Amino acid sequence: MIIGGGLAGLSAAMTLRGRKKIFLAEKETRFGGLAATVRKGGFHFDYSGHLLHLRWPETTRLILGALGSNVRRIRRDARVFAHGRWTPYPFQANLAAMPPRVRSECVSGFLRALAAGGGAPGDGTGRLCPQSVPGALRPAGSETFDKWSGRVFGAGISRYFMLPYNAKLWQYPLGRLTTEWCAPFVPVPSPGDIIKGAYGAGRRAIGYNAVFHYPKKGGIGALASALAMKAGETHLGIEAERVDLRARTARVRHFGEISFKRLINTAPLDEFVAMCSDAPAAVRRAAGLLRRNTVYVLNIGARGVKSDMHWGYFPGTGFPFYRAGIASNFSRALAPSGEASFYIEIATDGRALDLESAEKACVAGLRACGLIKDARQVTEKMWLKIPCAYVIYDADRARALPVISGWLKERGARSIGRYGAWKYSFMEESVKEGLEAGREILAGRS
């Protein structure tokens, strides 16, 4: 039994197809989980920016093979809007556009951190590289993000980007947020990169997502649709309501009771534990320690948009959103001719968002940074809500996961994917975990 028809569940089903009898239950009426696309008024809107960052040969071949000719490779144009002006992303490697006072504070703060033994040398790609970064400079699991940022980037970069941006994104105290998630998602340039980015010519396009792939047509949902064709027996619109891992039975809404020998879960881990009737009290307490934030995505269609940017980051308090992107710059097929489609992301700690006031503030924000000139350019709007968006890394998570995973292992079950494994990851990693879970079952290791 596979719970969830997202990328992890579909890739597991593909691996098992023809060799094991599969029952895949997906509660939505379409595949993909959050890697899905919704149509409205001639637009194709994704659940925020879902881009393919490919790094492993096998999964790259699988994903590109599934999409066939319906894919393009794109070089990133990402920017940061700070102090009333745009600078290329990542901020820490592209300080030249900042006011002289800000630039000086950022560079001198970094050099002081470097002199104190905190500035990381990087590996030439902007990633934290275990081979090139001394152990004392890597983020330790117990180190909090605010301390790590100050130690590695210095006071200036932390003050003007790292701390305000991540406070908006995570909606959780940065003095309690731990740093296991940082690599590869936070680029750590070398000292040379920072100096060149502040005083030299050109722009530094470093980081794990400097190049990405995206479908030519159909939005990111085209990938899930392509994988589903190879996944075998799958069921849409049915939800696993209760699971008994000891008895190896499940009750599925609109379907009834089923029996299984092995189970792969891709639903959010805390929700999965809640549906397990045989979960012991210690496991339920551990699941209760898991935290997540919620992201509301306002999708907007607009006329007369001139920017070629793919997405931008907004650390400033004057903007309610932490990120906004122009999805139609990934693929022109996402919007009608002459129009552009935006996705605008606002995070909360789970509390409901006042959509009407947030919508007005988002449109005002697009005007303030110059992406549109007038609210009358807007032709379409659609809110999409992601109740479980970013899982929170803190000491409670570190304590809870071994308890839950140990119990699942005893029961011969696996929980995989971004939410099943309760981590910050990307789409290719979910596909990879699905393949691995299927192979472990075939090898009799699960």
Protein backbone atom coordinates (compact mmCIF):
# COMPACT_ATOMS: atom_id res chain seq x y z
CA MET A 1 0.00 0.00 0.00
CA ILE A 2 1.23 3.48 -0.90
CA ILE A 3 -0.37 6.50 0.77
CA GLY A 4 -0.11 9.55 -1.47
CA GLY A 5 0.16 10.08 -5.22
CA GLY A 6 2.84 12.75 -5.17
CA LEU A 7 6.25 12.32 -6.75
CA ALA A 8 7.58 10.00 -4.02
CA GLY A 9 4.53 7.75 -4.09
CA LEU A 10 4.39 7.60 -7.88
CA SER A 11 8.09 6.76 -8.25
CA ALA A 12 7.75 4.00 -5.64
CA ALA A 13 4.78 2.59 -7.57
CA MET A 14 6.77 2.73 -10.81
CA THR A 15 9.56 0.72 -9.20
CA LEU A 16 7.17 -1.95 -7.87
CA ARG A 17 4.87 -2.17 -10.89
CA GLY A 18 4.71 -5.65 -12.38
CA ARG A 19 6.62 -7.17 -9.47
CA LYS A 20 4.32 -6.50 -6.53
CA LYS A 21 0.59 -5.87 -6.30
CA ILE A 22 0.19 -2.16 -5.57
CA PHE A 23 -2.63 -0.16 -4.03
CA LEU A 24 -1.90 3.60 -4.22
CA ALA A 25 -4.43 5.85 -2.49
CA GLU A 26 -4.45 9.58 -3.29
CA LYS A 27 -7.08 11.73 -1.55
CA GLU A 28 -7.08 14.46 -4.22
CA THR A 29 -8.63 14.06 -7.65
CA ARG A 30 -5.29 14.59 -9.38
CA PHE A 31 -1.74 13.35 -8.93
CA GLY A 32 1.31 15.31 -7.85
CA GLY A 33 0.60 16.48 -4.30
CA LEU A 34 1.97 20.03 -4.21
CA ALA A 35 3.75 19.47 -7.53
CA ALA A 36 0.43 20.14 -9.23
CA THR A 37 -1.04 22.71 -11.59
CA VAL A 38 -4.50 24.32 -11.47
CA ARG A 39 -6.17 25.99 -14.46
CA LYS A 40 -8.20 29.18 -14.27
CA GLY A 41 -9.18 31.72 -16.88
CA GLY A 42 -6.60 30.65 -19.46
CA PHE A 43 -3.80 30.49 -16.86
CA HIS A 44 -1.96 27.48 -15.45
CA PHE A 45 -1.08 28.14 -11.80
CA ASP A 46 1.32 25.94 -9.81
CA TYR A 47 1.36 25.63 -6.04
CA SER A 48 4.18 28.24 -5.92
CA GLY A 49 7.48 27.83 -7.74
CA HIS A 50 8.13 24.13 -8.34
CA LEU A 51 11.31 23.84 -10.39
CA LEU A 52 13.41 20.80 -11.23
CA HIS A 53 16.94 20.98 -9.82
CA LEU A 54 18.56 17.82 -11.16
CA ARG A 55 21.80 16.43 -9.73
CA TRP A 56 21.69 12.61 -9.76
CA PRO A 57 22.15 10.72 -13.06
CA GLU A 58 19.46 8.07 -12.55
CA THR A 59 16.70 10.42 -11.43
CA THR A 60 17.71 12.95 -14.08
CA ARG A 61 17.27 10.30 -16.77
CA LEU A 62 13.95 9.20 -15.29
CA ILE A 63 12.49 12.70 -14.99
CA LEU A 64 13.70 13.98 -18.35
CA GLY A 65 12.69 10.69 -19.98
CA ALA A 66 9.18 10.96 -18.54
CA LEU A 67 8.79 14.53 -19.82
CA GLY A 68 10.36 13.74 -23.19
CA SER A 69 10.31 16.77 -25.47
CA ASN A 70 8.08 18.66 -23.03
CA VAL A 71 10.91 20.20 -21.01
CA ARG A 72 13.36 23.07 -21.24
CA ARG A 73 16.58 23.89 -19.41
CA ILE A 74 16.68 27.40 -17.97
CA ARG A 75 19.45 29.53 -16.48
CA ARG A 76 18.18 31.22 -13.33
CA ASP A 77 17.41 34.93 -13.15
CA ALA A 78 16.67 35.37 -9.45
CA ARG A 79 17.00 38.67 -7.61
CA VAL A 80 16.70 40.29 -4.19
CA PHE A 81 14.81 43.54 -3.62
CA ALA A 82 16.44 45.47 -0.79
CA HIS A 83 16.89 49.17 0.00
CA GLY A 84 14.67 50.14 -2.93
CA ARG A 85 16.72 48.37 -5.58
CA TRP A 86 17.28 44.98 -7.17
CA THR A 87 20.45 42.93 -6.86
CA PRO A 88 21.08 39.43 -8.24
CA TYR A 89 20.58 36.46 -5.92
CA PRO A 90 22.31 35.39 -3.74
CA PHE A 91 22.49 38.66 -1.83
CA GLN A 92 25.74 37.76 -0.08
CA ALA A 93 27.60 37.36 -3.38
CA ASN A 94 26.07 40.37 -5.19
CA LEU A 95 26.42 43.39 -2.91
CA ALA A 96 27.54 45.89 -5.58
CA ALA A 97 24.02 47.28 -6.09
CA MET A 98 23.55 48.08 -2.41
CA PRO A 99 24.07 51.59 -1.00
CA PRO A 100 27.76 52.15 -0.08
CA ARG A 101 27.04 52.14 3.66
CA VAL A 102 25.18 48.81 3.47
CA ARG A 103 27.79 47.24 1.22
CA SER A 104 30.61 48.33 3.51
CA GLU A 105 28.84 47.00 6.59
CA CYS A 106 28.21 43.65 4.91
CA VAL A 107 31.77 43.18 3.66
CA SER A 108 33.47 44.33 6.87
CA GLY A 109 31.15 42.14 8.93
CA PHE A 110 31.98 39.13 6.79
CA LEU A 111 35.72 39.80 7.04
CA ARG A 112 35.48 40.07 10.82
CA ALA A 113 33.62 36.74 10.90
CA LEU A 114 36.29 35.23 8.65
CA ALA A 115 39.08 36.51 10.87
CA ALA A 116 37.33 34.98 13.86
CA GLY A 117 37.28 31.61 12.10
CA GLY A 118 33.63 31.64 11.05
CA GLY A 119 33.51 32.60 7.38
CA ALA A 120 33.22 29.50 5.19
CA PRO A 121 35.43 29.18 2.09
CA GLY A 122 32.78 27.45 -0.04
CA ASP A 123 33.49 25.06 -2.92
CA GLY A 124 33.16 27.36 -5.95
CA THR A 125 29.47 26.60 -6.44
CA GLY A 126 28.12 28.40 -3.40
CA ARG A 127 27.33 25.16 -1.60
CA LEU A 128 28.57 24.04 1.76
CA CYS A 129 30.99 21.28 0.77
CA PRO A 130 32.02 18.75 3.43
CA GLN A 131 35.33 18.20 1.63
CA SER A 132 36.31 21.87 1.57
CA VAL A 133 34.64 23.34 4.65
CA PRO A 134 36.32 22.67 8.00
CA GLY A 135 34.00 20.98 10.49
CA ALA A 136 33.89 24.04 12.73
CA LEU A 137 32.42 26.10 9.88
CA ARG A 138 29.59 23.77 8.87
CA PRO A 139 26.16 24.22 10.44
CA ALA A 140 25.92 21.93 13.43
CA GLY A 141 22.56 20.35 14.13
CA SER A 142 22.23 21.99 17.52
CA GLU A 143 23.42 25.43 16.39
CA THR A 144 20.64 27.94 15.92
CA PHE A 145 20.23 29.77 12.64
CA ASP A 146 20.79 33.26 14.04
CA LYS A 147 24.12 32.27 15.60
CA TRP A 148 25.22 30.31 12.53
CA SER A 149 24.40 33.21 10.20
CA GLY A 150 26.35 35.69 12.30
CA ARG A 151 29.28 33.31 12.61
CA VAL A 152 29.49 32.52 8.89
CA PHE A 153 28.23 35.69 7.15
CA GLY A 154 28.87 38.36 9.77
CA ALA A 155 26.59 40.99 11.23
CA GLY A 156 25.88 43.01 8.07
CA ILE A 157 24.71 40.24 5.71
CA SER A 158 22.75 38.73 8.59
CA ARG A 159 21.07 42.03 9.41
CA TYR A 160 20.14 43.02 5.87
CA PHE A 161 19.12 39.67 4.40
CA MET A 162 19.65 36.40 6.26
CA LEU A 163 17.71 37.16 9.43
CA PRO A 164 14.77 39.23 8.08
CA TYR A 165 14.21 36.97 5.08
CA ASN A 166 14.30 33.73 7.05
CA ALA A 167 12.09 35.22 9.78
CA LYS A 168 9.44 35.90 7.10
CA LEU A 169 9.86 32.47 5.52
CA TRP A 170 9.90 30.22 8.58
CA GLN A 171 7.60 32.21 10.92
CA TYR A 172 9.52 30.70 13.80
CA PRO A 173 12.08 32.20 16.21
CA LEU A 174 15.50 32.06 14.55
CA GLY A 175 17.01 31.58 18.00
CA ARG A 176 15.27 28.17 18.09
CA LEU A 177 15.49 27.23 14.39
CA THR A 178 18.34 24.74 13.92
CA THR A 179 20.53 24.49 10.84
CA GLU A 180 20.39 20.91 9.50
CA TRP A 181 18.43 22.21 6.50
CA CYS A 182 20.93 24.87 5.39
CA ALA A 183 23.04 22.87 2.94
CA PRO A 184 22.49 23.04 -0.01
CA PHE A 185 19.77 25.69 0.28
CA VAL A 186 21.87 28.57 1.67
CA PRO A 187 24.75 29.49 -0.66
CA VAL A 188 28.01 30.17 1.21
CA PRO A 189 30.32 32.05 -1.18
CA SER A 190 34.08 32.15 -0.80
CA PRO A 191 35.71 35.37 0.45
CA GLY A 192 36.75 36.05 -3.14
CA ASP A 193 33.17 35.69 -4.35
CA ILE A 194 31.95 38.16 -1.75
CA ILE A 195 34.63 40.75 -2.52
CA LYS A 196 34.12 40.43 -6.29
CA GLY A 197 30.36 40.62 -5.85
CA ALA A 198 30.72 43.79 -3.81
CA TYR A 199 33.37 45.67 -5.79
CA GLY A 200 33.97 43.78 -9.03
CA ALA A 201 32.16 43.55 -12.34
CA GLY A 202 29.46 41.08 -13.29
CA ARG A 203 27.07 38.96 -11.27
CA ARG A 204 27.70 35.78 -9.33
CA ALA A 205 25.08 33.10 -10.14
CA ILE A 206 25.98 30.54 -7.50
CA GLY A 207 23.89 28.07 -5.53
CA TYR A 208 22.20 24.73 -6.12
CA ASN A 209 19.49 26.21 -8.38
CA ALA A 210 21.56 28.28 -10.83
CA VAL A 211 20.16 26.09 -13.63
CA PHE A 212 16.80 24.31 -13.57
CA HIS A 213 14.35 22.44 -15.79
CA TYR A 214 10.65 23.08 -16.28
CA PRO A 215 7.93 21.65 -18.57
CA LYS A 216 7.24 23.56 -21.76
CA LYS A 217 3.50 22.97 -21.40
CA GLY A 218 1.12 21.97 -18.64
CA GLY A 219 2.98 23.46 -15.67
CA ILE A 220 4.81 21.31 -13.14
CA GLY A 221 1.77 19.05 -12.98
CA ALA A 222 2.90 17.63 -16.33
CA LEU A 223 5.62 15.69 -14.51
CA ALA A 224 3.22 13.95 -12.12
CA SER A 225 0.90 13.13 -15.02
CA ALA A 226 3.80 11.58 -16.94
CA LEU A 227 4.92 9.50 -13.94
CA ALA A 228 1.35 8.37 -13.17
CA MET A 229 1.12 6.76 -16.60
CA LYS A 230 3.90 4.39 -15.51
CA ALA A 231 2.75 3.81 -11.94
CA GLY A 232 0.28 0.96 -12.35
CA GLU A 233 -2.82 0.61 -10.14
CA THR A 234 -3.58 4.00 -8.64
CA HIS A 235 -6.74 5.42 -7.12
CA LEU A 236 -7.72 9.09 -7.02
CA GLY A 237 -10.22 10.70 -4.69
CA ILE A 238 -9.88 8.11 -1.93
CA GLU A 239 -8.25 8.82 1.44
CA ALA A 240 -6.64 6.51 3.97
CA GLU A 241 -8.56 7.28 7.17
CA ARG A 242 -7.15 4.69 9.55
CA VAL A 243 -4.12 2.39 9.47
CA ASP A 244 -3.21 -0.47 11.79
CA LEU A 245 0.43 -1.34 11.12
CA ARG A 246 0.38 -4.30 13.53
CA ALA A 247 -2.65 -5.90 11.86
CA ARG A 248 -1.55 -4.60 8.43
CA THR A 249 -4.98 -3.25 7.57
CA ALA A 250 -6.27 0.13 6.46
CA ARG A 251 -9.69 1.74 6.12
CA VAL A 252 -9.93 3.82 2.94
CA ARG A 253 -12.73 6.30 2.39
CA HIS A 254 -14.99 5.41 -0.56
CA PHE A 255 -13.25 2.06 -0.85
CA GLY A 256 -13.45 0.15 2.43
CA GLU A 257 -11.09 -2.10 4.39
CA ILE A 258 -7.95 -3.44 2.74
CA SER A 259 -5.05 -5.62 3.86
CA PHE A 260 -1.41 -5.04 2.97
CA LYS A 261 1.97 -6.66 3.54
CA ARG A 262 4.12 -3.54 3.23
CA LEU A 263 3.29 0.16 3.49
CA ILE A 264 4.94 3.31 2.13
CA ASN A 265 3.62 6.62 3.47
CA THR A 266 4.18 10.00 1.82
CA ALA A 267 1.55 12.00 3.74
CA PRO A 268 2.76 14.50 6.38
CA LEU A 269 4.35 12.46 9.14
CA ASP A 270 2.32 13.95 11.99
CA GLU A 271 -0.93 13.27 10.12
CA PHE A 272 0.15 9.71 9.34
CA VAL A 273 0.90 8.95 12.99
CA ALA A 274 -2.53 10.34 13.92
CA MET A 275 -4.23 7.88 11.54
CA CYS A 276 -2.30 4.88 12.94
CA SER A 277 -4.58 3.27 15.49
CA ASP A 278 -1.77 1.14 16.93
CA ALA A 279 0.70 4.02 17.47
CA PRO A 280 1.91 3.88 21.09
CA ALA A 281 1.67 6.91 23.38
CA ALA A 282 5.39 7.72 23.04
CA VAL A 283 5.10 7.89 19.26
CA ARG A 284 1.99 10.09 19.47
CA ARG A 285 3.78 12.43 21.87
CA ALA A 286 6.73 12.61 19.48
CA ALA A 287 4.46 13.43 16.54
CA GLY A 288 2.91 16.20 18.64
CA LEU A 289 6.32 17.88 18.82
CA LEU A 290 6.55 18.30 15.04
CA ARG A 291 5.89 21.81 13.76
CA ARG A 292 5.28 23.29 10.33
CA ASN A 293 4.35 26.62 8.82
CA THR A 294 1.61 27.44 6.32
CA VAL A 295 2.08 29.23 3.02
CA TYR A 296 -0.62 31.10 1.11
CA VAL A 297 0.12 31.55 -2.58
CA LEU A 298 -1.60 34.37 -4.47
CA ASN A 299 -1.50 33.67 -8.19
CA ILE A 300 -2.05 36.73 -10.35
CA GLY A 301 -2.46 37.22 -14.07
CA ALA A 302 -1.44 40.64 -15.39
CA ARG A 303 -1.03 42.56 -18.63
CA GLY A 304 1.95 44.68 -19.66
CA VAL A 305 4.63 42.99 -17.51
CA LYS A 306 8.12 43.69 -18.84
CA SER A 307 10.43 41.86 -16.43
CA ASP A 308 12.44 38.78 -17.50
CA MET A 309 13.06 37.81 -13.85
CA HIS A 310 12.13 34.31 -12.71
CA TRP A 311 11.66 35.10 -9.01
CA GLY A 312 12.66 37.60 -6.35
CA TYR A 313 13.27 37.56 -2.59
CA PHE A 314 11.89 40.28 -0.32
CA PRO A 315 13.55 40.61 3.10
CA GLY A 316 12.01 44.02 3.82
CA THR A 317 9.16 44.49 6.28
CA GLY A 318 7.34 46.69 3.78
CA PHE A 319 6.38 43.58 1.78
CA PRO A 320 4.01 40.96 3.23
CA PHE A 321 5.46 38.26 0.99
CA TYR A 322 8.90 36.68 1.24
CA ARG A 323 9.08 35.67 -2.42
CA ALA A 324 7.36 36.48 -5.69
CA GLY A 325 7.98 34.91 -9.06
CA ILE A 326 6.88 35.26 -12.67
CA ALA A 327 5.93 31.73 -13.66
CA SER A 328 5.22 32.66 -17.27
CA ASN A 329 8.96 33.34 -17.62
CA PHE A 330 9.49 29.60 -17.05
CA SER A 331 7.00 28.79 -19.81
CA ARG A 332 4.96 31.15 -21.98
CA ALA A 333 2.26 28.45 -22.16
CA LEU A 334 1.29 29.18 -18.53
CA ALA A 335 -0.46 32.45 -19.47
CA PRO A 336 -2.54 33.75 -22.36
CA SER A 337 -0.76 35.74 -25.05
CA GLY A 338 0.25 39.20 -23.87
CA GLU A 339 -0.14 38.35 -20.18
CA ALA A 340 2.11 37.18 -17.37
CA SER A 341 1.42 35.00 -14.34
CA PHE A 342 2.83 35.74 -10.88
CA TYR A 343 3.02 33.55 -7.80
CA ILE A 344 3.36 35.44 -4.50
CA GLU A 345 4.13 33.59 -1.27
CA ILE A 346 3.12 34.62 2.25
CA ALA A 347 3.99 32.41 5.23
CA THR A 348 2.17 32.19 8.56
CA ASP A 349 2.74 30.09 11.65
CA GLY A 350 -0.49 28.27 10.87
CA ARG A 351 -2.84 31.13 11.57
CA ALA A 352 -5.40 32.08 8.92
CA LEU A 353 -4.55 34.92 6.58
CA ASP A 354 -6.95 37.79 5.82
CA LEU A 355 -7.01 37.14 2.07
CA GLU A 356 -8.69 40.41 1.06
CA SER A 357 -6.19 42.69 2.81
CA ALA A 358 -3.28 40.43 1.87
CA GLU A 359 -4.30 40.61 -1.79
CA LYS A 360 -4.28 44.42 -1.73
CA ALA A 361 -0.89 44.44 0.03
CA CYS A 362 0.55 42.01 -2.55
CA VAL A 363 -0.56 44.12 -5.50
CA ALA A 364 0.84 47.21 -3.77
CA GLY A 365 4.10 45.34 -3.23
CA LEU A 366 4.36 44.45 -6.92
CA ARG A 367 3.93 48.13 -7.70
CA ALA A 368 6.48 49.22 -5.09
CA CYS A 369 9.23 47.06 -6.59
CA GLY A 370 8.33 47.96 -10.18
CA LEU A 371 7.04 44.60 -11.40
CA ILE A 372 3.73 46.23 -12.33
CA LYS A 373 2.85 49.92 -12.66
CA ASP A 374 -0.87 49.89 -11.95
CA ALA A 375 -3.32 47.59 -10.16
CA ARG A 376 -5.54 47.77 -13.25
CA GLN A 377 -3.03 45.52 -15.04
CA VAL A 378 -4.28 42.58 -12.96
CA THR A 379 -6.70 40.37 -14.92
CA GLU A 380 -6.92 37.19 -12.82
CA LYS A 381 -6.43 36.13 -9.18
CA MET A 382 -6.39 32.79 -7.41
CA TRP A 383 -5.35 31.85 -3.87
CA LEU A 384 -3.84 28.43 -3.18
CA LYS A 385 -3.16 27.32 0.39
CA ILE A 386 -0.37 24.98 1.51
CA PRO A 387 -1.24 23.97 5.10
CA CYS A 388 2.00 22.02 5.56
CA ALA A 389 4.63 24.03 3.69
CA TYR A 390 8.03 24.11 5.46
CA VAL A 391 8.68 21.71 8.32
CA ILE A 392 10.35 23.39 11.30
CA TYR A 393 13.85 22.30 12.26
CA ASP A 394 14.30 22.60 16.01
CA ALA A 395 15.38 20.57 19.04
CA ASP A 396 11.92 18.99 19.29
CA ARG A 397 12.16 17.67 15.72
CA ALA A 398 15.58 16.20 16.45
CA ARG A 399 14.17 14.35 19.45
CA ALA A 400 10.93 13.24 17.82
CA LEU A 401 12.08 11.75 14.51
CA PRO A 402 14.18 8.86 15.95
CA VAL A 403 11.22 7.80 18.10
CA ILE A 404 8.81 7.76 15.17
CA SER A 405 11.22 6.23 12.64
CA GLY A 406 12.25 3.52 15.09
CA TRP A 407 8.63 2.48 15.58
CA LEU A 408 7.95 2.51 11.83
CA LYS A 409 10.98 0.32 11.23
CA GLU A 410 9.73 -2.18 13.81
CA ARG A 411 6.42 -2.30 11.93
CA GLY A 412 8.08 -2.70 8.52
CA ALA A 413 6.74 0.61 7.22
CA ARG A 414 8.49 3.50 5.50
CA SER A 415 7.62 7.20 5.53
CA ILE A 416 9.32 9.10 2.69
CA GLY A 417 9.32 12.34 0.73
CA ARG A 418 9.43 15.94 1.88
CA TYR A 419 6.59 15.55 4.35
CA GLY A 420 6.65 11.83 5.01
CA ALA A 421 10.28 12.14 6.12
CA TRP A 422 9.58 15.58 7.62
CA LYS A 423 12.38 17.55 5.99
CA TYR A 424 13.26 20.37 3.61
CA SER A 425 13.96 18.81 0.23
CA PHE A 426 13.33 19.21 -3.49
CA MET A 427 11.34 17.30 -6.10
CA GLU A 428 14.15 15.15 -7.45
CA GLU A 429 14.93 13.95 -3.94
CA SER A 430 11.33 12.80 -3.51
CA VAL A 431 11.59 10.82 -6.74
CA LYS A 432 14.88 9.31 -5.55
CA GLU A 433 13.37 8.26 -2.21
CA GLY A 434 10.45 6.61 -3.98
CA LEU A 435 12.81 4.58 -6.15
CA GLU A 436 14.87 3.55 -3.13
CA ALA A 437 11.82 2.57 -1.06
CA GLY A 438 10.52 0.38 -3.88
CA ARG A 439 13.87 -1.32 -4.32
CA GLU A 440 14.22 -2.03 -0.61
CA ILE A 441 10.86 -3.78 -0.67
CA LEU A 442 11.88 -5.82 -3.71
CA ALA A 443 15.13 -6.76 -1.98
CA GLY A 444 13.25 -7.84 1.15
CA ARG A 445 14.86 -5.18 3.30
CA SER A 446 11.60 -3.49 4.25
